[in-house]
Amino acid sequence: KFSRQNSVEGGDMELPNTITRIINIISSRDLISDLDFEKLVEGTYRVLLHRLSEQKLETTLSSIERLAFKQAYDCLVCIIFEAAKHDTNPQTLKGVLQDLNVSEGRVSVIIKGYENYCNDLRALMASTSFGQPHITDVDWRIDYRLRASGIGRVASAAYLISLKTIPSGKTDVEGSKKVEPIEFWCNSEQLYDLLTKLKDASKQVDR
């Protein structure tokens, strides 16, 4: 059974509302021809397997309007990743896509690719999922920068975020875990967007 409440579910597979709201893009023949869709699906699997870059795929499919490409690509990445992560069988994935009103022809293209690449995707996930750095602490600093404008000098806030991370398997000369900082600047809007996404991720983990 599939639900259309806060997310669409298929077994343990969940698709966020941000994806379900634009899922119709992958069924639109006005925006993406059948031939281009086949190339897009095949290319998306290859990007996820690190056999092709997203930029190269977008260049190859330059006949697709850029926004349509980005939205369709994001939908496919989310669907494929979620299905492979939960080892969803092809029949269940087909049901999820049908429940989302994806056209039958395009469901078949996605399922065919999934059957061909699922094992490779799961093997790649298994080999990399435990190699990500762990965040142990966060520091931040706010700076005010002056910039010229039509009404004089205007102060704008800039935030320096420093994530203290421990890369998997790395230790110092004494055998302790080696902390490596990841630093980046952002403005107020970017910081708010980051916090919103972190809250959304936390809610998904708690479900």
N, C-alpha and C. Protein backbone atom coordinates (compact mmCIF):
# COMPACT_ATOMS: atom_id res chain seq x y z
N LYS A 1 0.84 -1.19 0.00
CA LYS A 1 0.00 0.00 0.00
C LYS A 1 0.87 1.24 0.00
N PHE A 2 0.39 2.29 -0.62
CA PHE A 2 1.15 3.52 -0.72
C PHE A 2 0.35 4.67 -0.14
N SER A 3 1.03 5.57 0.57
CA SER A 3 0.37 6.67 1.25
C SER A 3 0.70 8.00 0.61
N ARG A 4 -0.26 8.92 0.62
CA ARG A 4 -0.02 10.26 0.12
C ARG A 4 -0.30 11.27 1.23
N GLN A 5 0.37 11.08 2.36
CA GLN A 5 0.20 12.03 3.46
C GLN A 5 1.35 13.02 3.40
N ASN A 6 2.27 12.95 4.35
CA ASN A 6 3.42 13.86 4.31
C ASN A 6 4.47 13.39 3.33
N SER A 7 4.41 12.14 2.96
CA SER A 7 5.36 11.60 2.00
C SER A 7 4.69 10.40 1.34
N VAL A 8 5.29 9.96 0.24
CA VAL A 8 4.79 8.76 -0.43
C VAL A 8 5.68 7.61 0.01
N GLU A 9 5.09 6.53 0.44
CA GLU A 9 5.87 5.43 1.00
C GLU A 9 5.69 4.17 0.17
N GLY A 10 6.76 3.39 0.06
CA GLY A 10 6.70 2.08 -0.55
C GLY A 10 7.60 1.18 0.25
N GLY A 11 7.02 0.38 1.19
CA GLY A 11 7.83 -0.32 2.15
C GLY A 11 8.47 0.72 3.05
N ASP A 12 9.80 0.71 3.15
CA ASP A 12 10.52 1.70 3.94
C ASP A 12 10.88 2.92 3.09
N MET A 13 10.58 2.89 1.81
CA MET A 13 10.97 3.95 0.90
C MET A 13 10.08 5.17 1.08
N GLU A 14 10.69 6.35 1.19
CA GLU A 14 9.94 7.58 1.36
C GLU A 14 10.46 8.65 0.40
N LEU A 15 9.54 9.37 -0.20
CA LEU A 15 9.90 10.47 -1.10
C LEU A 15 9.35 11.76 -0.50
N PRO A 16 10.20 12.78 -0.33
CA PRO A 16 9.75 14.03 0.28
C PRO A 16 8.79 14.79 -0.61
N ASN A 17 8.04 15.68 0.00
CA ASN A 17 7.06 16.48 -0.75
C ASN A 17 7.71 17.33 -1.83
N THR A 18 8.96 17.77 -1.59
CA THR A 18 9.65 18.58 -2.59
C THR A 18 9.79 17.84 -3.91
N ILE A 19 9.88 16.52 -3.84
CA ILE A 19 9.99 15.70 -5.05
C ILE A 19 8.61 15.39 -5.61
N THR A 20 7.66 15.01 -4.76
CA THR A 20 6.33 14.63 -5.26
C THR A 20 5.62 15.79 -5.92
N ARG A 21 5.97 17.03 -5.51
CA ARG A 21 5.30 18.18 -6.12
C ARG A 21 5.74 18.42 -7.56
N ILE A 22 6.93 17.93 -7.94
CA ILE A 22 7.43 18.18 -9.30
C ILE A 22 7.59 16.88 -10.10
N ILE A 23 7.07 15.77 -9.55
CA ILE A 23 7.27 14.47 -10.18
C ILE A 23 6.68 14.41 -11.58
N ASN A 24 5.65 15.23 -11.85
CA ASN A 24 5.00 15.19 -13.16
C ASN A 24 5.95 15.59 -14.28
N ILE A 25 7.07 16.22 -13.94
CA ILE A 25 8.04 16.65 -14.96
C ILE A 25 8.58 15.46 -15.74
N ILE A 26 8.72 14.30 -15.07
CA ILE A 26 9.32 13.16 -15.76
C ILE A 26 8.33 12.44 -16.68
N SER A 27 7.06 12.84 -16.63
CA SER A 27 6.08 12.27 -17.55
C SER A 27 5.77 13.20 -18.73
N SER A 28 6.32 14.41 -18.70
CA SER A 28 5.98 15.41 -19.71
C SER A 28 6.76 15.22 -21.01
N ARG A 29 6.05 14.78 -22.05
CA ARG A 29 6.69 14.63 -23.36
C ARG A 29 6.89 15.99 -24.03
N ASP A 30 6.18 17.00 -23.57
CA ASP A 30 6.37 18.34 -24.12
C ASP A 30 7.72 18.90 -23.71
N LEU A 31 8.18 18.55 -22.52
CA LEU A 31 9.46 19.06 -22.01
C LEU A 31 10.62 18.10 -22.26
N ILE A 32 10.33 16.78 -22.22
CA ILE A 32 11.38 15.78 -22.39
C ILE A 32 10.87 14.69 -23.33
N SER A 33 11.50 14.56 -24.47
CA SER A 33 11.07 13.53 -25.43
C SER A 33 11.38 12.14 -24.89
N ASP A 34 10.75 11.13 -25.47
CA ASP A 34 10.98 9.75 -25.03
C ASP A 34 12.45 9.36 -25.17
N LEU A 35 13.07 9.73 -26.28
CA LEU A 35 14.47 9.39 -26.50
C LEU A 35 15.37 10.08 -25.47
N ASP A 36 15.11 11.37 -25.23
CA ASP A 36 15.91 12.09 -24.24
C ASP A 36 15.69 11.53 -22.84
N PHE A 37 14.46 11.09 -22.56
CA PHE A 37 14.19 10.53 -21.23
C PHE A 37 14.99 9.25 -21.01
N GLU A 38 15.05 8.41 -22.03
CA GLU A 38 15.85 7.19 -21.91
C GLU A 38 17.31 7.52 -21.64
N LYS A 39 17.83 8.53 -22.33
CA LYS A 39 19.23 8.95 -22.11
C LYS A 39 19.40 9.54 -20.71
N LEU A 40 18.39 10.29 -20.26
CA LEU A 40 18.46 10.90 -18.93
C LEU A 40 18.47 9.84 -17.83
N VAL A 41 17.62 8.84 -17.95
CA VAL A 41 17.56 7.77 -16.95
C VAL A 41 18.87 6.99 -16.92
N GLU A 42 19.33 6.59 -18.09
CA GLU A 42 20.59 5.85 -18.17
C GLU A 42 21.73 6.68 -17.60
N GLY A 43 21.77 7.96 -17.97
CA GLY A 43 22.83 8.83 -17.49
C GLY A 43 22.77 9.05 -15.99
N THR A 44 21.55 9.14 -15.43
CA THR A 44 21.41 9.34 -13.98
C THR A 44 21.97 8.15 -13.22
N TYR A 45 21.69 6.94 -13.67
CA TYR A 45 22.27 5.76 -13.02
C TYR A 45 23.80 5.81 -13.10
N ARG A 46 24.33 6.22 -14.23
CA ARG A 46 25.79 6.28 -14.38
C ARG A 46 26.42 7.37 -13.52
N VAL A 47 25.71 8.50 -13.35
CA VAL A 47 26.21 9.55 -12.45
C VAL A 47 26.27 9.03 -11.01
N LEU A 48 25.21 8.34 -10.58
CA LEU A 48 25.17 7.81 -9.22
C LEU A 48 26.27 6.77 -8.98
N LEU A 49 26.69 6.10 -10.05
CA LEU A 49 27.76 5.11 -9.94
C LEU A 49 29.13 5.70 -10.20
N HIS A 50 29.19 7.03 -10.32
CA HIS A 50 30.45 7.76 -10.54
C HIS A 50 31.11 7.39 -11.87
N ARG A 51 30.30 7.04 -12.85
CA ARG A 51 30.82 6.71 -14.17
C ARG A 51 30.64 7.86 -15.16
N LEU A 52 29.94 8.89 -14.72
CA LEU A 52 29.65 10.04 -15.56
C LEU A 52 29.40 11.23 -14.65
N SER A 53 29.78 12.42 -15.09
CA SER A 53 29.52 13.62 -14.29
C SER A 53 28.15 14.20 -14.64
N GLU A 54 27.53 14.86 -13.66
CA GLU A 54 26.24 15.50 -13.91
C GLU A 54 26.38 16.56 -15.00
N GLN A 55 27.49 17.29 -14.97
CA GLN A 55 27.71 18.34 -15.97
C GLN A 55 27.78 17.75 -17.38
N LYS A 56 28.46 16.63 -17.53
CA LYS A 56 28.56 15.97 -18.83
C LYS A 56 27.19 15.50 -19.30
N LEU A 57 26.40 14.97 -18.38
CA LEU A 57 25.06 14.52 -18.72
C LEU A 57 24.20 15.68 -19.19
N GLU A 58 24.27 16.80 -18.47
CA GLU A 58 23.48 17.97 -18.85
C GLU A 58 23.90 18.50 -20.21
N THR A 59 25.19 18.49 -20.47
CA THR A 59 25.69 18.95 -21.77
C THR A 59 25.18 18.05 -22.89
N THR A 60 25.20 16.74 -22.65
CA THR A 60 24.73 15.78 -23.65
C THR A 60 23.25 15.98 -23.96
N LEU A 61 22.49 16.38 -22.93
CA LEU A 61 21.04 16.56 -23.10
C LEU A 61 20.68 18.03 -23.16
N SER A 62 21.44 18.79 -23.92
CA SER A 62 21.22 20.23 -24.04
C SER A 62 19.89 20.57 -24.71
N SER A 63 19.27 19.58 -25.36
CA SER A 63 17.96 19.82 -25.98
C SER A 63 16.86 19.98 -24.94
N ILE A 64 17.12 19.54 -23.71
CA ILE A 64 16.15 19.71 -22.62
C ILE A 64 16.39 21.05 -21.95
N GLU A 65 15.32 21.83 -21.77
CA GLU A 65 15.44 23.13 -21.09
C GLU A 65 16.07 22.91 -19.71
N ARG A 66 16.95 23.83 -19.31
CA ARG A 66 17.80 23.61 -18.13
C ARG A 66 16.99 23.34 -16.86
N LEU A 67 15.93 24.11 -16.61
CA LEU A 67 15.13 23.90 -15.40
C LEU A 67 14.46 22.54 -15.43
N ALA A 68 13.94 22.16 -16.59
CA ALA A 68 13.30 20.85 -16.72
C ALA A 68 14.31 19.74 -16.47
N PHE A 69 15.53 19.91 -16.99
CA PHE A 69 16.57 18.90 -16.76
C PHE A 69 16.86 18.77 -15.27
N LYS A 70 17.06 19.90 -14.57
CA LYS A 70 17.42 19.87 -13.16
C LYS A 70 16.32 19.21 -12.34
N GLN A 71 15.07 19.56 -12.62
CA GLN A 71 13.97 19.00 -11.85
C GLN A 71 13.81 17.50 -12.11
N ALA A 72 13.88 17.11 -13.37
CA ALA A 72 13.75 15.69 -13.71
C ALA A 72 14.92 14.89 -13.13
N TYR A 73 16.12 15.44 -13.24
CA TYR A 73 17.30 14.77 -12.70
C TYR A 73 17.18 14.61 -11.19
N ASP A 74 16.77 15.66 -10.49
CA ASP A 74 16.63 15.59 -9.03
C ASP A 74 15.60 14.55 -8.63
N CYS A 75 14.49 14.49 -9.37
CA CYS A 75 13.46 13.47 -9.10
C CYS A 75 14.03 12.07 -9.24
N LEU A 76 14.72 11.83 -10.34
CA LEU A 76 15.26 10.50 -10.60
C LEU A 76 16.30 10.11 -9.56
N VAL A 77 17.17 11.04 -9.20
CA VAL A 77 18.20 10.75 -8.19
C VAL A 77 17.54 10.34 -6.88
N CYS A 78 16.55 11.09 -6.45
CA CYS A 78 15.86 10.80 -5.19
C CYS A 78 15.16 9.44 -5.24
N ILE A 79 14.45 9.18 -6.33
CA ILE A 79 13.72 7.91 -6.47
C ILE A 79 14.69 6.73 -6.47
N ILE A 80 15.72 6.82 -7.29
CA ILE A 80 16.67 5.71 -7.44
C ILE A 80 17.44 5.48 -6.14
N PHE A 81 17.91 6.58 -5.54
CA PHE A 81 18.69 6.45 -4.31
C PHE A 81 17.85 5.83 -3.19
N GLU A 82 16.62 6.31 -3.02
CA GLU A 82 15.75 5.79 -1.96
C GLU A 82 15.45 4.31 -2.20
N ALA A 83 15.18 3.95 -3.44
CA ALA A 83 14.85 2.55 -3.74
C ALA A 83 16.05 1.64 -3.46
N ALA A 84 17.23 2.05 -3.91
CA ALA A 84 18.43 1.23 -3.71
C ALA A 84 18.80 1.17 -2.23
N LYS A 85 18.66 2.29 -1.53
CA LYS A 85 19.02 2.34 -0.10
C LYS A 85 18.21 1.34 0.71
N HIS A 86 16.93 1.21 0.37
CA HIS A 86 16.06 0.31 1.12
C HIS A 86 15.90 -1.05 0.46
N ASP A 87 16.71 -1.30 -0.58
CA ASP A 87 16.65 -2.58 -1.32
C ASP A 87 15.23 -2.88 -1.77
N THR A 88 14.57 -1.85 -2.27
CA THR A 88 13.20 -1.98 -2.77
C THR A 88 13.19 -2.88 -4.00
N ASN A 89 12.27 -3.82 -4.06
CA ASN A 89 12.23 -4.68 -5.24
C ASN A 89 11.58 -3.93 -6.40
N PRO A 90 11.87 -4.33 -7.64
CA PRO A 90 11.36 -3.60 -8.81
C PRO A 90 9.83 -3.47 -8.83
N GLN A 91 9.11 -4.50 -8.38
CA GLN A 91 7.66 -4.44 -8.42
C GLN A 91 7.12 -3.39 -7.45
N THR A 92 7.75 -3.28 -6.27
CA THR A 92 7.33 -2.27 -5.30
C THR A 92 7.64 -0.88 -5.82
N LEU A 93 8.83 -0.71 -6.41
CA LEU A 93 9.18 0.58 -6.99
C LEU A 93 8.21 0.96 -8.10
N LYS A 94 7.83 -0.01 -8.91
CA LYS A 94 6.85 0.26 -9.97
C LYS A 94 5.54 0.76 -9.38
N GLY A 95 5.12 0.16 -8.27
CA GLY A 95 3.89 0.59 -7.61
C GLY A 95 3.98 2.01 -7.08
N VAL A 96 5.15 2.38 -6.53
CA VAL A 96 5.36 3.75 -6.04
C VAL A 96 5.22 4.74 -7.19
N LEU A 97 5.85 4.43 -8.31
CA LEU A 97 5.81 5.33 -9.46
C LEU A 97 4.40 5.43 -10.05
N GLN A 98 3.70 4.33 -10.08
CA GLN A 98 2.32 4.35 -10.58
C GLN A 98 1.43 5.16 -9.64
N ASP A 99 1.67 5.04 -8.35
CA ASP A 99 0.89 5.81 -7.38
C ASP A 99 1.13 7.30 -7.54
N LEU A 100 2.30 7.65 -8.06
CA LEU A 100 2.64 9.05 -8.31
C LEU A 100 2.18 9.50 -9.69
N ASN A 101 1.47 8.63 -10.39
CA ASN A 101 0.92 8.95 -11.71
C ASN A 101 1.98 9.17 -12.78
N VAL A 102 3.13 8.52 -12.63
CA VAL A 102 4.14 8.54 -13.69
C VAL A 102 3.63 7.66 -14.82
N SER A 103 3.77 8.12 -16.06
CA SER A 103 3.25 7.38 -17.20
C SER A 103 3.90 6.00 -17.32
N GLU A 104 3.12 5.03 -17.82
CA GLU A 104 3.57 3.64 -17.87
C GLU A 104 4.87 3.46 -18.64
N GLY A 105 4.97 4.15 -19.78
CA GLY A 105 6.18 4.01 -20.58
C GLY A 105 7.42 4.45 -19.84
N ARG A 106 7.30 5.51 -19.08
CA ARG A 106 8.46 6.03 -18.36
C ARG A 106 8.74 5.24 -17.09
N VAL A 107 7.69 4.66 -16.52
CA VAL A 107 7.91 3.74 -15.40
C VAL A 107 8.77 2.57 -15.88
N SER A 108 8.44 2.04 -17.05
CA SER A 108 9.18 0.90 -17.60
C SER A 108 10.66 1.23 -17.81
N VAL A 109 10.94 2.45 -18.28
CA VAL A 109 12.33 2.86 -18.50
C VAL A 109 13.09 2.91 -17.17
N ILE A 110 12.47 3.48 -16.16
CA ILE A 110 13.11 3.58 -14.84
C ILE A 110 13.35 2.19 -14.24
N ILE A 111 12.34 1.33 -14.34
CA ILE A 111 12.45 -0.01 -13.76
C ILE A 111 13.51 -0.84 -14.48
N LYS A 112 13.58 -0.70 -15.79
CA LYS A 112 14.60 -1.44 -16.55
C LYS A 112 16.00 -1.05 -16.08
N GLY A 113 16.23 0.25 -15.92
CA GLY A 113 17.52 0.70 -15.43
C GLY A 113 17.78 0.23 -14.02
N TYR A 114 16.74 0.24 -13.19
CA TYR A 114 16.89 -0.19 -11.79
C TYR A 114 17.29 -1.66 -11.72
N GLU A 115 16.67 -2.47 -12.54
CA GLU A 115 17.02 -3.89 -12.56
C GLU A 115 18.47 -4.10 -13.01
N ASN A 116 18.93 -3.25 -13.92
CA ASN A 116 20.30 -3.39 -14.43
C ASN A 116 21.35 -2.91 -13.44
N TYR A 117 21.03 -1.87 -12.68
CA TYR A 117 22.05 -1.19 -11.88
C TYR A 117 21.89 -1.29 -10.37
N CYS A 118 20.78 -1.85 -9.89
CA CYS A 118 20.52 -1.85 -8.45
C CYS A 118 21.64 -2.51 -7.65
N ASN A 119 22.11 -3.66 -8.09
CA ASN A 119 23.16 -4.36 -7.35
C ASN A 119 24.44 -3.55 -7.29
N ASP A 120 24.78 -2.88 -8.40
CA ASP A 120 25.98 -2.05 -8.41
C ASP A 120 25.83 -0.86 -7.47
N LEU A 121 24.63 -0.27 -7.44
CA LEU A 121 24.38 0.87 -6.56
C LEU A 121 24.49 0.47 -5.10
N ARG A 122 23.92 -0.67 -4.74
CA ARG A 122 23.97 -1.12 -3.35
C ARG A 122 25.39 -1.49 -2.94
N ALA A 123 26.15 -2.04 -3.86
CA ALA A 123 27.55 -2.36 -3.56
C ALA A 123 28.35 -1.09 -3.32
N LEU A 124 28.08 -0.06 -4.13
CA LEU A 124 28.77 1.22 -3.96
C LEU A 124 28.38 1.86 -2.63
N MET A 125 27.10 1.83 -2.29
CA MET A 125 26.65 2.39 -1.02
C MET A 125 27.31 1.67 0.16
N ALA A 126 27.40 0.36 0.06
CA ALA A 126 27.99 -0.42 1.16
C ALA A 126 29.46 -0.08 1.36
N SER A 127 30.14 0.25 0.26
CA SER A 127 31.58 0.52 0.36
C SER A 127 31.90 1.95 0.78
N THR A 128 30.91 2.83 0.69
CA THR A 128 31.18 4.24 1.00
C THR A 128 30.38 4.79 2.17
N SER A 129 29.33 4.13 2.59
CA SER A 129 28.44 4.71 3.60
C SER A 129 29.10 4.91 4.94
N PHE A 130 30.15 4.11 5.25
CA PHE A 130 30.79 4.26 6.54
C PHE A 130 32.08 5.07 6.46
N GLY A 131 32.34 5.67 5.30
CA GLY A 131 33.57 6.43 5.14
C GLY A 131 33.40 7.93 5.23
N GLN A 132 32.20 8.37 5.57
CA GLN A 132 31.96 9.80 5.64
C GLN A 132 32.48 10.38 6.95
N PRO A 133 32.96 11.62 6.92
CA PRO A 133 33.45 12.24 8.17
C PRO A 133 32.31 12.47 9.15
N HIS A 134 32.65 12.44 10.43
CA HIS A 134 31.67 12.67 11.48
C HIS A 134 31.85 14.09 12.04
N ILE A 135 30.77 14.83 12.16
CA ILE A 135 30.82 16.17 12.73
C ILE A 135 30.79 16.06 14.25
N THR A 136 31.79 16.63 14.92
CA THR A 136 31.87 16.55 16.38
C THR A 136 31.54 17.87 17.06
N ASP A 137 31.65 18.97 16.35
CA ASP A 137 31.36 20.27 16.96
C ASP A 137 31.19 21.32 15.86
N VAL A 138 30.59 22.43 16.23
CA VAL A 138 30.38 23.53 15.28
C VAL A 138 30.75 24.84 15.96
N ASP A 139 31.56 25.65 15.29
CA ASP A 139 31.87 27.01 15.74
C ASP A 139 31.36 27.99 14.69
N TRP A 140 31.05 29.20 15.13
CA TRP A 140 30.62 30.20 14.16
C TRP A 140 31.05 31.58 14.61
N ARG A 141 31.14 32.46 13.65
CA ARG A 141 31.53 33.85 13.91
C ARG A 141 30.77 34.75 12.96
N ILE A 142 30.36 35.91 13.44
CA ILE A 142 29.66 36.86 12.58
C ILE A 142 30.54 38.07 12.33
N ASP A 143 30.64 38.47 11.09
CA ASP A 143 31.38 39.67 10.70
C ASP A 143 30.41 40.61 9.97
N TYR A 144 30.65 41.89 10.13
CA TYR A 144 29.86 42.88 9.40
C TYR A 144 30.73 43.52 8.35
N ARG A 145 30.25 43.53 7.13
CA ARG A 145 31.01 44.09 6.03
C ARG A 145 30.29 45.31 5.49
N LEU A 146 31.06 46.34 5.22
CA LEU A 146 30.49 47.57 4.68
C LEU A 146 30.56 47.54 3.16
N ARG A 147 29.48 47.91 2.53
CA ARG A 147 29.47 48.00 1.07
C ARG A 147 28.77 49.29 0.65
N ALA A 148 29.21 49.83 -0.47
CA ALA A 148 28.65 51.09 -0.95
C ALA A 148 27.31 50.85 -1.60
N SER A 149 26.40 51.79 -1.43
CA SER A 149 25.09 51.73 -2.08
C SER A 149 24.65 53.15 -2.41
N GLY A 150 23.48 53.26 -3.02
CA GLY A 150 22.98 54.57 -3.42
C GLY A 150 22.67 55.47 -2.24
N ILE A 151 22.51 54.89 -1.05
CA ILE A 151 22.20 55.70 0.14
C ILE A 151 23.39 55.79 1.10
N GLY A 152 24.56 55.39 0.61
CA GLY A 152 25.76 55.46 1.46
C GLY A 152 26.32 54.08 1.73
N ARG A 153 26.93 53.91 2.88
CA ARG A 153 27.51 52.62 3.24
C ARG A 153 26.49 51.78 4.03
N VAL A 154 26.36 50.51 3.64
CA VAL A 154 25.41 49.61 4.27
C VAL A 154 26.18 48.41 4.83
N ALA A 155 25.89 48.09 6.09
CA ALA A 155 26.54 46.95 6.74
C ALA A 155 25.75 45.68 6.45
N SER A 156 26.42 44.62 6.04
CA SER A 156 25.77 43.34 5.81
C SER A 156 26.49 42.27 6.65
N ALA A 157 25.70 41.36 7.20
CA ALA A 157 26.26 40.32 8.06
C ALA A 157 26.77 39.16 7.23
N ALA A 158 27.93 38.63 7.63
CA ALA A 158 28.49 37.44 7.00
C ALA A 158 28.89 36.48 8.12
N TYR A 159 28.54 35.21 7.94
CA TYR A 159 28.79 34.22 8.98
C TYR A 159 29.87 33.25 8.53
N LEU A 160 30.86 33.02 9.41
CA LEU A 160 31.87 31.99 9.16
C LEU A 160 31.49 30.77 9.99
N ILE A 161 31.17 29.69 9.30
CA ILE A 161 30.79 28.44 9.96
C ILE A 161 31.97 27.47 9.88
N SER A 162 32.33 26.91 11.03
CA SER A 162 33.43 25.95 11.08
C SER A 162 32.93 24.64 11.65
N LEU A 163 32.89 23.60 10.82
CA LEU A 163 32.48 22.27 11.26
C LEU A 163 33.72 21.47 11.63
N LYS A 164 33.77 21.00 12.86
CA LYS A 164 34.88 20.15 13.29
C LYS A 164 34.53 18.70 12.99
N THR A 165 35.30 18.08 12.11
CA THR A 165 34.97 16.73 11.66
C THR A 165 36.13 15.77 11.91
N ILE A 166 35.77 14.51 12.03
CA ILE A 166 36.76 13.44 12.15
C ILE A 166 36.60 12.53 10.95
N PRO A 167 37.53 12.60 9.98
CA PRO A 167 37.44 11.71 8.82
C PRO A 167 37.57 10.26 9.24
N SER A 168 36.82 9.39 8.60
CA SER A 168 36.84 7.97 8.93
C SER A 168 38.23 7.37 8.76
N GLY A 169 38.71 6.74 9.82
CA GLY A 169 39.98 6.02 9.74
C GLY A 169 41.22 6.85 9.94
N LYS A 170 41.12 8.19 10.04
CA LYS A 170 42.31 9.03 10.17
C LYS A 170 42.65 9.27 11.64
N THR A 171 43.91 9.09 12.00
CA THR A 171 44.38 9.34 13.35
C THR A 171 45.65 10.15 13.30
N ASP A 172 46.01 10.78 14.45
CA ASP A 172 47.27 11.52 14.49
C ASP A 172 48.39 10.59 14.91
N VAL A 173 49.60 11.15 15.14
CA VAL A 173 50.77 10.33 15.44
C VAL A 173 50.63 9.58 16.76
N GLU A 174 49.76 10.05 17.67
CA GLU A 174 49.57 9.39 18.96
C GLU A 174 48.41 8.41 18.93
N GLY A 175 47.82 8.25 17.76
CA GLY A 175 46.74 7.29 17.62
C GLY A 175 45.37 7.84 17.90
N SER A 176 45.28 9.14 18.22
CA SER A 176 43.98 9.76 18.48
C SER A 176 43.34 10.15 17.16
N LYS A 177 42.03 10.28 17.18
CA LYS A 177 41.32 10.70 15.99
C LYS A 177 41.72 12.13 15.63
N LYS A 178 42.02 12.35 14.36
CA LYS A 178 42.47 13.66 13.89
C LYS A 178 41.28 14.50 13.47
N VAL A 179 41.14 15.67 14.10
CA VAL A 179 40.04 16.58 13.80
C VAL A 179 40.41 17.49 12.64
N GLU A 180 39.56 17.56 11.65
CA GLU A 180 39.79 18.43 10.50
C GLU A 180 38.61 19.39 10.35
N PRO A 181 38.88 20.70 10.31
CA PRO A 181 37.77 21.66 10.17
C PRO A 181 37.33 21.82 8.72
N ILE A 182 36.05 22.06 8.53
CA ILE A 182 35.50 22.44 7.24
C ILE A 182 34.86 23.80 7.43
N GLU A 183 35.36 24.81 6.73
CA GLU A 183 34.90 26.18 6.94
C GLU A 183 34.27 26.75 5.68
N PHE A 184 33.24 27.57 5.89
CA PHE A 184 32.62 28.25 4.77
C PHE A 184 31.91 29.51 5.26
N TRP A 185 31.78 30.49 4.36
CA TRP A 185 31.07 31.72 4.65
C TRP A 185 29.66 31.65 4.09
N CYS A 186 28.73 32.31 4.73
CA CYS A 186 27.38 32.42 4.18
C CYS A 186 26.72 33.68 4.70
N ASN A 187 25.69 34.15 4.00
CA ASN A 187 24.95 35.31 4.48
C ASN A 187 23.74 34.84 5.29
N SER A 188 22.92 35.77 5.74
CA SER A 188 21.78 35.43 6.61
C SER A 188 20.80 34.49 5.91
N GLU A 189 20.49 34.77 4.64
CA GLU A 189 19.54 33.95 3.91
C GLU A 189 20.07 32.52 3.72
N GLN A 190 21.35 32.40 3.38
CA GLN A 190 21.95 31.08 3.18
C GLN A 190 22.00 30.29 4.50
N LEU A 191 22.29 30.99 5.60
CA LEU A 191 22.33 30.33 6.90
C LEU A 191 20.94 29.84 7.29
N TYR A 192 19.93 30.66 7.04
CA TYR A 192 18.56 30.26 7.35
C TYR A 192 18.15 29.04 6.52
N ASP A 193 18.55 29.04 5.24
CA ASP A 193 18.24 27.90 4.37
C ASP A 193 18.91 26.63 4.87
N LEU A 194 20.17 26.76 5.33
CA LEU A 194 20.91 25.61 5.87
C LEU A 194 20.22 25.06 7.11
N LEU A 195 19.82 25.96 8.02
CA LEU A 195 19.16 25.53 9.25
C LEU A 195 17.82 24.84 8.95
N THR A 196 17.09 25.37 7.97
CA THR A 196 15.82 24.76 7.59
C THR A 196 16.02 23.34 7.07
N LYS A 197 17.04 23.16 6.23
CA LYS A 197 17.31 21.83 5.68
C LYS A 197 17.76 20.86 6.77
N LEU A 198 18.54 21.36 7.75
CA LEU A 198 18.97 20.50 8.85
C LEU A 198 17.79 20.07 9.71
N LYS A 199 16.86 20.99 9.94
CA LYS A 199 15.66 20.65 10.70
C LYS A 199 14.82 19.61 9.96
N ASP A 200 14.70 19.78 8.64
CA ASP A 200 13.95 18.82 7.84
C ASP A 200 14.60 17.45 7.89
N ALA A 201 15.94 17.43 7.82
CA ALA A 201 16.67 16.15 7.89
C ALA A 201 16.48 15.50 9.24
N SER A 202 16.50 16.30 10.30
CA SER A 202 16.31 15.77 11.65
C SER A 202 14.93 15.15 11.81
N LYS A 203 13.91 15.80 11.22
CA LYS A 203 12.55 15.26 11.31
C LYS A 203 12.45 13.92 10.58
N GLN A 204 13.14 13.81 9.43
CA GLN A 204 13.10 12.56 8.68
C GLN A 204 13.76 11.42 9.48
N VAL A 205 14.86 11.75 10.19
CA VAL A 205 15.56 10.74 10.99
C VAL A 205 14.68 10.27 12.15
N ASP A 206 13.93 11.20 12.73
CA ASP A 206 13.08 10.89 13.90
C ASP A 206 11.83 10.13 13.54
N ARG A 207 11.47 10.06 12.25
CA ARG A 207 10.21 9.42 11.86
C ARG A 207 10.27 7.92 12.09
